[in-house]
Amino acid sequence: MPDIDLLFRQRIGFPEDEEITVDNLEVVLELTAKSIPFENICVINNNVMVMNETNLVDKILQHNEGGLCYELNAILYLFLRENGLNVQLVRGTVYNKENGSFSPTGKTHVATVLINGNERYLIDTGFGGNLPLVLVPFDGKVVRSWNGEFRVRKEDSEHGDYFLELKLKHKDDEWRKGYAFDSRQQMVNWDDLNVVQQIIVEHPQSPFNKKPLLTKFTDGGNIILTKNSFIKWENGKMTKEEITEEKFESLAKAHFSIQKRALQKRA
């Protein structure tokens, strides 16, 4: 089995000899957000593989591709576990602020929970451009990164027992729900992740099985690539370029490390 610890460090550019602790975990989160894109190319092109450790390492750490929440947080989970941290994977339901409702795909968001002594924190590297980039404590305290303000609020609902709430810099004037999650039901095996993947791939209302979407953080903001546009956010300012299909492929390779095997559609 390949060395997950070494490969992950090499992928994000983190020193190979530096211990991973709660104190430097935010550095890891930011480097991950800038190095491993949130993207659905394999779903769009019918190239998804069975979720297991071998396939996940092959895709993200050996072929330098990205993935969706269930892949990105799973690889982070494996890396942190290799480094002795007490972590769990949990499922959540994303809230759509545009229509004021939760996703009809149900609990298909996967996030990571870190347990450090008596404290619990939500960490997430698979929420597109909404990433906290910091550890968000379960006690409701507001934490800040250059991407905005974040908090975890305790509230029981049909979707779980906590909410992640956020106020993105330059984008949100008020607090809004990001997703609800259930801290009481951790994911315990790869079958759970395969269930999430199947729903995302097959559900008629899944937002990820219709059009390509790629996003990654940069030093000054983030970049977003869709079938028809390339958007750059830098220091709160947005620029948008309309693109062709040929330009899409070149941008996917140049800015998101998407390789030829992922871009080729499987029959």
C-alpha atoms as a PDB file:
ATOM      1  CA  MET A   1       0.000   0.000   0.000  1.00  0.00           C
ATOM      2  CA  PRO A   2       1.391   3.460  -0.904  1.00  0.00           C
ATOM      3  CA  ASP A   3       2.450   5.759   1.934  1.00  0.00           C
ATOM      4  CA  ILE A   4      -0.627   7.976   2.411  1.00  0.00           C
ATOM      5  CA  ASP A   5       1.169  10.271   4.828  1.00  0.00           C
ATOM      6  CA  LEU A   6       4.046  10.974   2.448  1.00  0.00           C
ATOM      7  CA  LEU A   7       1.892  11.263  -0.681  1.00  0.00           C
ATOM      8  CA  PHE A   8      -0.570  13.657   0.966  1.00  0.00           C
ATOM      9  CA  ARG A   9       2.232  15.885   2.243  1.00  0.00           C
ATOM     10  CA  GLN A  10       3.787  15.955  -1.221  1.00  0.00           C
ATOM     11  CA  ARG A  11       0.436  16.753  -2.853  1.00  0.00           C
ATOM     12  CA  ILE A  12      -0.226  19.802  -0.661  1.00  0.00           C
ATOM     13  CA  GLY A  13       3.366  20.904  -0.157  1.00  0.00           C
ATOM     14  CA  PHE A  14       3.588  20.287   3.600  1.00  0.00           C
ATOM     15  CA  PRO A  15       7.003  19.425   5.113  1.00  0.00           C
ATOM     16  CA  GLU A  16       7.601  15.683   5.275  1.00  0.00           C
ATOM     17  CA  ASP A  17       9.242  15.823   8.711  1.00  0.00           C
ATOM     18  CA  GLU A  18       6.842  18.170  10.537  1.00  0.00           C
ATOM     19  CA  GLU A  19       4.442  16.648  13.067  1.00  0.00           C
ATOM     20  CA  ILE A  20       0.733  17.149  12.389  1.00  0.00           C
ATOM     21  CA  THR A  21      -0.982  18.637  15.445  1.00  0.00           C
ATOM     22  CA  VAL A  22      -4.116  20.585  16.281  1.00  0.00           C
ATOM     23  CA  ASP A  23      -1.936  23.695  16.326  1.00  0.00           C
ATOM     24  CA  ASN A  24      -0.833  23.453  12.689  1.00  0.00           C
ATOM     25  CA  LEU A  25      -3.898  21.735  11.276  1.00  0.00           C
ATOM     26  CA  GLU A  26      -5.213  25.006   9.848  1.00  0.00           C
ATOM     27  CA  VAL A  27      -2.091  25.217   7.703  1.00  0.00           C
ATOM     28  CA  VAL A  28      -2.902  21.742   6.392  1.00  0.00           C
ATOM     29  CA  LEU A  29      -6.495  22.761   5.639  1.00  0.00           C
ATOM     30  CA  GLU A  30      -5.485  25.847   3.677  1.00  0.00           C
ATOM     31  CA  LEU A  31      -2.807  24.011   1.693  1.00  0.00           C
ATOM     32  CA  THR A  32      -5.305  21.260   0.901  1.00  0.00           C
ATOM     33  CA  ALA A  33      -7.889  23.775  -0.319  1.00  0.00           C
ATOM     34  CA  LYS A  34      -5.297  25.341  -2.634  1.00  0.00           C
ATOM     35  CA  SER A  35      -3.915  22.035  -3.912  1.00  0.00           C
ATOM     36  CA  ILE A  36      -6.787  19.555  -4.294  1.00  0.00           C
ATOM     37  CA  PRO A  37      -9.793  20.841  -6.246  1.00  0.00           C
ATOM     38  CA  PHE A  38     -13.435  20.239  -5.533  1.00  0.00           C
ATOM     39  CA  GLU A  39     -14.653  18.773  -8.835  1.00  0.00           C
ATOM     40  CA  ASN A  40     -17.123  16.336 -10.389  1.00  0.00           C
ATOM     41  CA  ILE A  41     -15.451  15.441 -13.698  1.00  0.00           C
ATOM     42  CA  CYS A  42     -15.456  11.698 -13.014  1.00  0.00           C
ATOM     43  CA  VAL A  43     -19.178  11.786 -12.210  1.00  0.00           C
ATOM     44  CA  ILE A  44     -19.984  13.714 -15.386  1.00  0.00           C
ATOM     45  CA  ASN A  45     -17.866  11.410 -17.554  1.00  0.00           C
ATOM     46  CA  ASN A  46     -19.060   8.174 -15.931  1.00  0.00           C
ATOM     47  CA  ASN A  47     -15.580   7.403 -14.596  1.00  0.00           C
ATOM     48  CA  VAL A  48     -16.435   6.848 -10.937  1.00  0.00           C
ATOM     49  CA  MET A  49     -14.735   3.977  -9.145  1.00  0.00           C
ATOM     50  CA  VAL A  50     -15.769   1.951  -6.139  1.00  0.00           C
ATOM     51  CA  MET A  51     -14.895   3.901  -3.023  1.00  0.00           C
ATOM     52  CA  ASN A  52     -12.059   2.197  -1.178  1.00  0.00           C
ATOM     53  CA  GLU A  53      -8.664   3.217   0.108  1.00  0.00           C
ATOM     54  CA  THR A  54      -6.726   1.947  -2.921  1.00  0.00           C
ATOM     55  CA  ASN A  55      -8.889   3.738  -5.501  1.00  0.00           C
ATOM     56  CA  LEU A  56      -9.035   6.953  -3.496  1.00  0.00           C
ATOM     57  CA  VAL A  57      -5.263   7.129  -3.059  1.00  0.00           C
ATOM     58  CA  ASP A  58      -4.787   6.320  -6.741  1.00  0.00           C
ATOM     59  CA  LYS A  59      -7.130   9.076  -7.887  1.00  0.00           C
ATOM     60  CA  ILE A  60      -6.202  11.943  -5.558  1.00  0.00           C
ATOM     61  CA  LEU A  61      -2.637  11.263  -4.421  1.00  0.00           C
ATOM     62  CA  GLN A  62      -1.123   9.372  -7.353  1.00  0.00           C
ATOM     63  CA  HIS A  63      -2.956  10.879 -10.323  1.00  0.00           C
ATOM     64  CA  ASN A  64      -3.319  14.302  -8.660  1.00  0.00           C
ATOM     65  CA  GLU A  65      -7.039  14.705  -9.351  1.00  0.00           C
ATOM     66  CA  GLY A  66      -9.683  16.195  -7.092  1.00  0.00           C
ATOM     67  CA  GLY A  67     -13.105  15.006  -6.037  1.00  0.00           C
ATOM     68  CA  LEU A  68     -16.339  15.721  -4.235  1.00  0.00           C
ATOM     69  CA  CYS A  69     -16.949  15.974  -0.489  1.00  0.00           C
ATOM     70  CA  TYR A  70     -17.064  12.237   0.145  1.00  0.00           C
ATOM     71  CA  GLU A  71     -13.677  11.817  -1.554  1.00  0.00           C
ATOM     72  CA  LEU A  72     -11.906  14.937  -0.264  1.00  0.00           C
ATOM     73  CA  ASN A  73     -12.867  14.484   3.370  1.00  0.00           C
ATOM     74  CA  ALA A  74     -12.198  10.749   3.173  1.00  0.00           C
ATOM     75  CA  ILE A  75      -8.621  11.304   1.998  1.00  0.00           C
ATOM     76  CA  LEU A  76      -8.142  13.975   4.685  1.00  0.00           C
ATOM     77  CA  TYR A  77      -9.521  11.528   7.254  1.00  0.00           C
ATOM     78  CA  LEU A  78      -7.027   8.841   6.183  1.00  0.00           C
ATOM     79  CA  PHE A  79      -4.147  11.301   6.353  1.00  0.00           C
ATOM     80  CA  LEU A  80      -5.057  12.644   9.788  1.00  0.00           C
ATOM     81  CA  ARG A  81      -5.635   9.146  11.128  1.00  0.00           C
ATOM     82  CA  GLU A  82      -2.188   8.135   9.857  1.00  0.00           C
ATOM     83  CA  ASN A  83      -0.808  10.996  11.931  1.00  0.00           C
ATOM     84  CA  GLY A  84      -2.490   9.855  15.125  1.00  0.00           C
ATOM     85  CA  LEU A  85      -5.386  12.299  15.280  1.00  0.00           C
ATOM     86  CA  ASN A  86      -8.800  11.138  16.498  1.00  0.00           C
ATOM     87  CA  VAL A  87     -11.113  11.802  13.559  1.00  0.00           C
ATOM     88  CA  GLN A  88     -14.497  10.637  12.322  1.00  0.00           C
ATOM     89  CA  LEU A  89     -16.526  11.054   9.149  1.00  0.00           C
ATOM     90  CA  VAL A  90     -20.123  12.250   9.439  1.00  0.00           C
ATOM     91  CA  ARG A  91     -22.949  12.823   6.969  1.00  0.00           C
ATOM     92  CA  GLY A  92     -24.831  16.058   6.476  1.00  0.00           C
ATOM     93  CA  THR A  93     -27.546  17.678   4.371  1.00  0.00           C
ATOM     94  CA  VAL A  94     -26.683  20.839   2.455  1.00  0.00           C
ATOM     95  CA  TYR A  95     -28.958  23.868   2.726  1.00  0.00           C
ATOM     96  CA  ASN A  96     -29.802  25.780  -0.443  1.00  0.00           C
ATOM     97  CA  LYS A  97     -30.099  29.461   0.411  1.00  0.00           C
ATOM     98  CA  GLU A  98     -31.543  30.264  -3.025  1.00  0.00           C
ATOM     99  CA  ASN A  99     -34.762  28.296  -2.471  1.00  0.00           C
ATOM    100  CA  GLY A 100     -34.636  28.116   1.322  1.00  0.00           C
ATOM    101  CA  SER A 101     -34.669  24.341   1.586  1.00  0.00           C
ATOM    102  CA  PHE A 102     -32.416  21.379   2.244  1.00  0.00           C
ATOM    103  CA  SER A 103     -31.058  19.249  -0.573  1.00  0.00           C
ATOM    104  CA  PRO A 104     -33.503  16.604  -1.839  1.00  0.00           C
ATOM    105  CA  THR A 105     -30.569  14.184  -2.057  1.00  0.00           C
ATOM    106  CA  GLY A 106     -30.569  13.990   1.752  1.00  0.00           C
ATOM    107  CA  LYS A 107     -27.463  13.242   3.797  1.00  0.00           C
ATOM    108  CA  THR A 108     -24.971  13.253   0.943  1.00  0.00           C
ATOM    109  CA  HIS A 109     -22.510  15.771   2.348  1.00  0.00           C
ATOM    110  CA  VAL A 110     -19.538  14.193   4.106  1.00  0.00           C
ATOM    111  CA  ALA A 111     -17.503  16.163   6.647  1.00  0.00           C
ATOM    112  CA  THR A 112     -14.822  15.414   9.225  1.00  0.00           C
ATOM    113  CA  VAL A 113     -15.037  15.680  13.006  1.00  0.00           C
ATOM    114  CA  LEU A 114     -11.867  16.012  15.067  1.00  0.00           C
ATOM    115  CA  ILE A 115     -11.862  14.986  18.726  1.00  0.00           C
ATOM    116  CA  ASN A 116      -9.134  16.538  20.851  1.00  0.00           C
ATOM    117  CA  GLY A 117      -9.481  15.723  24.541  1.00  0.00           C
ATOM    118  CA  ASN A 118     -12.926  16.898  25.607  1.00  0.00           C
ATOM    119  CA  GLU A 119     -13.316  19.187  22.602  1.00  0.00           C
ATOM    120  CA  ARG A 120     -14.875  18.435  19.231  1.00  0.00           C
ATOM    121  CA  TYR A 121     -14.296  20.382  16.025  1.00  0.00           C
ATOM    122  CA  LEU A 122     -15.806  20.330  12.559  1.00  0.00           C
ATOM    123  CA  ILE A 123     -13.246  20.387   9.763  1.00  0.00           C
ATOM    124  CA  ASP A 124     -14.191  20.300   6.111  1.00  0.00           C
ATOM    125  CA  THR A 125     -12.199  20.257   2.896  1.00  0.00           C
ATOM    126  CA  GLY A 126     -15.112  19.279   0.646  1.00  0.00           C
ATOM    127  CA  PHE A 127     -17.560  22.192   0.684  1.00  0.00           C
ATOM    128  CA  GLY A 128     -16.509  23.958  -2.498  1.00  0.00           C
ATOM    129  CA  GLY A 129     -15.888  27.671  -2.052  1.00  0.00           C
ATOM    130  CA  ASN A 130     -17.505  27.636   1.412  1.00  0.00           C
ATOM    131  CA  LEU A 131     -14.596  26.065   3.293  1.00  0.00           C
ATOM    132  CA  PRO A 132     -13.905  27.378   6.801  1.00  0.00           C
ATOM    133  CA  LEU A 133     -10.142  26.726   6.439  1.00  0.00           C
ATOM    134  CA  VAL A 134     -10.078  26.545  10.251  1.00  0.00           C
ATOM    135  CA  LEU A 135     -11.257  24.213  13.009  1.00  0.00           C
ATOM    136  CA  VAL A 136     -14.845  25.084  13.949  1.00  0.00           C
ATOM    137  CA  PRO A 137     -15.586  24.165  17.591  1.00  0.00           C
ATOM    138  CA  PHE A 138     -18.853  22.519  18.576  1.00  0.00           C
ATOM    139  CA  ASP A 139     -19.402  25.037  21.403  1.00  0.00           C
ATOM    140  CA  GLY A 140     -20.807  27.715  19.076  1.00  0.00           C
ATOM    141  CA  LYS A 141     -17.800  30.019  19.173  1.00  0.00           C
ATOM    142  CA  VAL A 142     -17.362  32.111  16.023  1.00  0.00           C
ATOM    143  CA  VAL A 143     -14.070  31.439  14.240  1.00  0.00           C
ATOM    144  CA  ARG A 144     -12.610  33.405  11.353  1.00  0.00           C
ATOM    145  CA  SER A 145     -10.388  32.821   8.362  1.00  0.00           C
ATOM    146  CA  TRP A 146      -9.662  34.990   5.363  1.00  0.00           C
ATOM    147  CA  ASN A 147     -12.639  33.250   3.721  1.00  0.00           C
ATOM    148  CA  GLY A 148     -15.162  34.450   6.315  1.00  0.00           C
ATOM    149  CA  GLU A 149     -16.774  33.654   9.671  1.00  0.00           C
ATOM    150  CA  PHE A 150     -18.035  30.244  10.761  1.00  0.00           C
ATOM    151  CA  ARG A 151     -19.782  28.612  13.700  1.00  0.00           C
ATOM    152  CA  VAL A 152     -21.355  25.289  14.662  1.00  0.00           C
ATOM    153  CA  ARG A 153     -24.757  25.624  16.276  1.00  0.00           C
ATOM    154  CA  LYS A 154     -26.451  22.878  18.307  1.00  0.00           C
ATOM    155  CA  GLU A 155     -30.001  22.217  17.166  1.00  0.00           C
ATOM    156  CA  ASP A 156     -31.840  18.958  16.674  1.00  0.00           C
ATOM    157  CA  SER A 157     -33.630  18.533  13.381  1.00  0.00           C
ATOM    158  CA  GLU A 158     -34.604  15.765  10.981  1.00  0.00           C
ATOM    159  CA  HIS A 159     -31.205  16.279   9.363  1.00  0.00           C
ATOM    160  CA  GLY A 160     -29.019  15.908  12.452  1.00  0.00           C
ATOM    161  CA  ASP A 161     -28.075  17.561  15.731  1.00  0.00           C
ATOM    162  CA  TYR A 162     -25.848  20.454  14.565  1.00  0.00           C
ATOM    163  CA  PHE A 163     -25.678  23.102  11.866  1.00  0.00           C
ATOM    164  CA  LEU A 164     -22.651  24.669  10.226  1.00  0.00           C
ATOM    165  CA  GLU A 165     -23.388  28.348   9.714  1.00  0.00           C
ATOM    166  CA  LEU A 166     -21.272  30.770   7.733  1.00  0.00           C
ATOM    167  CA  LYS A 167     -20.819  34.323   6.576  1.00  0.00           C
ATOM    168  CA  LEU A 168     -18.422  34.421   3.642  1.00  0.00           C
ATOM    169  CA  LYS A 169     -16.230  37.470   3.218  1.00  0.00           C
ATOM    170  CA  HIS A 170     -17.334  39.753   0.364  1.00  0.00           C
ATOM    171  CA  LYS A 171     -20.340  37.506  -0.329  1.00  0.00           C
ATOM    172  CA  ASP A 172     -22.651  37.266   2.711  1.00  0.00           C
ATOM    173  CA  ASP A 173     -24.071  40.129   4.752  1.00  0.00           C
ATOM    174  CA  GLU A 174     -25.872  37.862   7.208  1.00  0.00           C
ATOM    175  CA  TRP A 175     -25.306  34.448   8.752  1.00  0.00           C
ATOM    176  CA  ARG A 176     -26.692  31.562   6.703  1.00  0.00           C
ATOM    177  CA  LYS A 177     -26.985  27.809   7.043  1.00  0.00           C
ATOM    178  CA  GLY A 178     -24.347  25.787   5.239  1.00  0.00           C
ATOM    179  CA  TYR A 179     -25.525  22.311   6.165  1.00  0.00           C
ATOM    180  CA  ALA A 180     -26.961  20.237   8.983  1.00  0.00           C
ATOM    181  CA  PHE A 181     -25.003  17.217  10.166  1.00  0.00           C
ATOM    182  CA  ASP A 182     -25.437  14.380  12.611  1.00  0.00           C
ATOM    183  CA  SER A 183     -22.534  13.947  15.017  1.00  0.00           C
ATOM    184  CA  ARG A 184     -24.165  10.854  16.533  1.00  0.00           C
ATOM    185  CA  GLN A 185     -23.937   8.761  13.365  1.00  0.00           C
ATOM    186  CA  GLN A 186     -20.379   8.477  12.179  1.00  0.00           C
ATOM    187  CA  MET A 187     -19.547   6.658   8.963  1.00  0.00           C
ATOM    188  CA  VAL A 188     -17.892   3.406   9.858  1.00  0.00           C
ATOM    189  CA  ASN A 189     -16.897   1.749   6.581  1.00  0.00           C
ATOM    190  CA  TRP A 190     -16.455   2.206   2.847  1.00  0.00           C
ATOM    191  CA  ASP A 191     -19.986   0.950   2.189  1.00  0.00           C
ATOM    192  CA  ASP A 192     -21.302   4.184   3.718  1.00  0.00           C
ATOM    193  CA  LEU A 193     -19.224   6.262   1.309  1.00  0.00           C
ATOM    194  CA  ASN A 194     -20.310   4.139  -1.637  1.00  0.00           C
ATOM    195  CA  VAL A 195     -23.948   4.798  -0.718  1.00  0.00           C
ATOM    196  CA  VAL A 196     -23.288   8.551  -0.787  1.00  0.00           C
ATOM    197  CA  GLN A 197     -21.493   8.266  -4.113  1.00  0.00           C
ATOM    198  CA  GLN A 198     -24.327   6.256  -5.652  1.00  0.00           C
ATOM    199  CA  ILE A 199     -26.908   8.869  -4.656  1.00  0.00           C
ATOM    200  CA  ILE A 200     -24.802  11.709  -6.045  1.00  0.00           C
ATOM    201  CA  VAL A 201     -24.238   9.835  -9.301  1.00  0.00           C
ATOM    202  CA  GLU A 202     -27.820   8.630  -9.822  1.00  0.00           C
ATOM    203  CA  HIS A 203     -30.264  10.953  -8.046  1.00  0.00           C
ATOM    204  CA  PRO A 204     -32.306  13.006 -10.559  1.00  0.00           C
ATOM    205  CA  GLN A 205     -31.942  16.121  -8.390  1.00  0.00           C
ATOM    206  CA  SER A 206     -28.259  15.739  -7.649  1.00  0.00           C
ATOM    207  CA  PRO A 207     -26.454  18.999  -8.524  1.00  0.00           C
ATOM    208  CA  PHE A 208     -23.289  17.122  -9.475  1.00  0.00           C
ATOM    209  CA  ASN A 209     -24.416  14.705 -12.213  1.00  0.00           C
ATOM    210  CA  LYS A 210     -25.480  17.248 -14.838  1.00  0.00           C
ATOM    211  CA  LYS A 211     -22.777  19.835 -15.533  1.00  0.00           C
ATOM    212  CA  PRO A 212     -19.048  19.975 -14.771  1.00  0.00           C
ATOM    213  CA  LEU A 213     -17.957  22.105 -11.830  1.00  0.00           C
ATOM    214  CA  LEU A 214     -14.441  22.679 -10.563  1.00  0.00           C
ATOM    215  CA  THR A 215     -13.295  25.056  -7.844  1.00  0.00           C
ATOM    216  CA  LYS A 216     -10.077  25.577  -5.927  1.00  0.00           C
ATOM    217  CA  PHE A 217      -8.714  28.179  -3.549  1.00  0.00           C
ATOM    218  CA  THR A 218      -5.903  30.516  -4.533  1.00  0.00           C
ATOM    219  CA  ASP A 219      -3.726  32.917  -2.560  1.00  0.00           C
ATOM    220  CA  GLY A 220      -6.182  35.762  -3.125  1.00  0.00           C
ATOM    221  CA  GLY A 221      -9.514  33.954  -3.338  1.00  0.00           C
ATOM    222  CA  ASN A 222     -10.708  31.075  -5.514  1.00  0.00           C
ATOM    223  CA  ILE A 223     -11.294  30.009  -9.101  1.00  0.00           C
ATOM    224  CA  ILE A 224     -14.395  28.322 -10.539  1.00  0.00           C
ATOM    225  CA  LEU A 225     -14.615  26.499 -13.844  1.00  0.00           C
ATOM    226  CA  THR A 226     -17.873  25.442 -15.472  1.00  0.00           C
ATOM    227  CA  LYS A 227     -18.685  24.239 -18.968  1.00  0.00           C
ATOM    228  CA  ASN A 228     -19.225  27.794 -20.174  1.00  0.00           C
ATOM    229  CA  SER A 229     -17.230  30.078 -17.887  1.00  0.00           C
ATOM    230  CA  PHE A 230     -14.040  30.595 -15.909  1.00  0.00           C
ATOM    231  CA  ILE A 231     -14.502  32.768 -12.820  1.00  0.00           C
ATOM    232  CA  LYS A 232     -11.773  34.277 -10.665  1.00  0.00           C
ATOM    233  CA  TRP A 233     -12.347  35.763  -7.224  1.00  0.00           C
ATOM    234  CA  GLU A 234      -9.395  37.810  -6.017  1.00  0.00           C
ATOM    235  CA  ASN A 235      -9.480  40.080  -2.974  1.00  0.00           C
ATOM    236  CA  GLY A 236     -13.264  40.336  -3.197  1.00  0.00           C
ATOM    237  CA  LYS A 237     -13.381  41.179  -6.905  1.00  0.00           C
ATOM    238  CA  MET A 238     -14.787  38.821  -9.521  1.00  0.00           C
ATOM    239  CA  THR A 239     -13.846  38.449 -13.158  1.00  0.00           C
ATOM    240  CA  LYS A 240     -15.699  36.123 -15.538  1.00  0.00           C
ATOM    241  CA  GLU A 241     -14.585  34.748 -18.898  1.00  0.00           C
ATOM    242  CA  GLU A 242     -16.928  32.967 -21.283  1.00  0.00           C
ATOM    243  CA  ILE A 243     -15.208  29.862 -22.681  1.00  0.00           C
ATOM    244  CA  THR A 244     -15.493  27.142 -25.334  1.00  0.00           C
ATOM    245  CA  GLU A 245     -15.428  23.378 -24.827  1.00  0.00           C
ATOM    246  CA  GLU A 246     -11.820  23.266 -26.015  1.00  0.00           C
ATOM    247  CA  LYS A 247     -10.861  26.023 -23.590  1.00  0.00           C
ATOM    248  CA  PHE A 248     -12.620  24.140 -20.775  1.00  0.00           C
ATOM    249  CA  GLU A 249     -10.312  21.141 -21.171  1.00  0.00           C
ATOM    250  CA  SER A 250      -7.157  23.239 -21.279  1.00  0.00           C
ATOM    251  CA  LEU A 251      -8.195  25.220 -18.190  1.00  0.00           C
ATOM    252  CA  ALA A 252      -9.112  22.025 -16.328  1.00  0.00           C
ATOM    253  CA  LYS A 253      -5.638  20.668 -16.987  1.00  0.00           C
ATOM    254  CA  ALA A 254      -3.748  23.901 -16.341  1.00  0.00           C
ATOM    255  CA  HIS A 255      -5.498  25.134 -13.193  1.00  0.00           C
ATOM    256  CA  PHE A 256      -6.973  21.989 -11.625  1.00  0.00           C
ATOM    257  CA  SER A 257      -4.529  19.217 -12.608  1.00  0.00           C
ATOM    258  CA  ILE A 258      -7.332  17.242 -14.264  1.00  0.00           C
ATOM    259  CA  GLN A 259      -5.698  14.580 -16.372  1.00  0.00           C
ATOM    260  CA  LYS A 260      -6.645  13.073 -19.701  1.00  0.00           C
ATOM    261  CA  ARG A 261      -8.048   9.855 -18.203  1.00  0.00           C
ATOM    262  CA  ALA A 262     -10.630  11.823 -16.185  1.00  0.00           C
ATOM    263  CA  LEU A 263     -11.659  14.017 -19.126  1.00  0.00           C
ATOM    264  CA  GLN A 264     -12.369  11.057 -21.369  1.00  0.00           C
ATOM    265  CA  LYS A 265     -16.004  10.038 -21.158  1.00  0.00           C
ATOM    266  CA  ARG A 266     -16.662   6.348 -20.537  1.00  0.00           C
ATOM    267  CA  ALA A 267     -19.351   4.756 -22.689  1.00  0.00           C
END
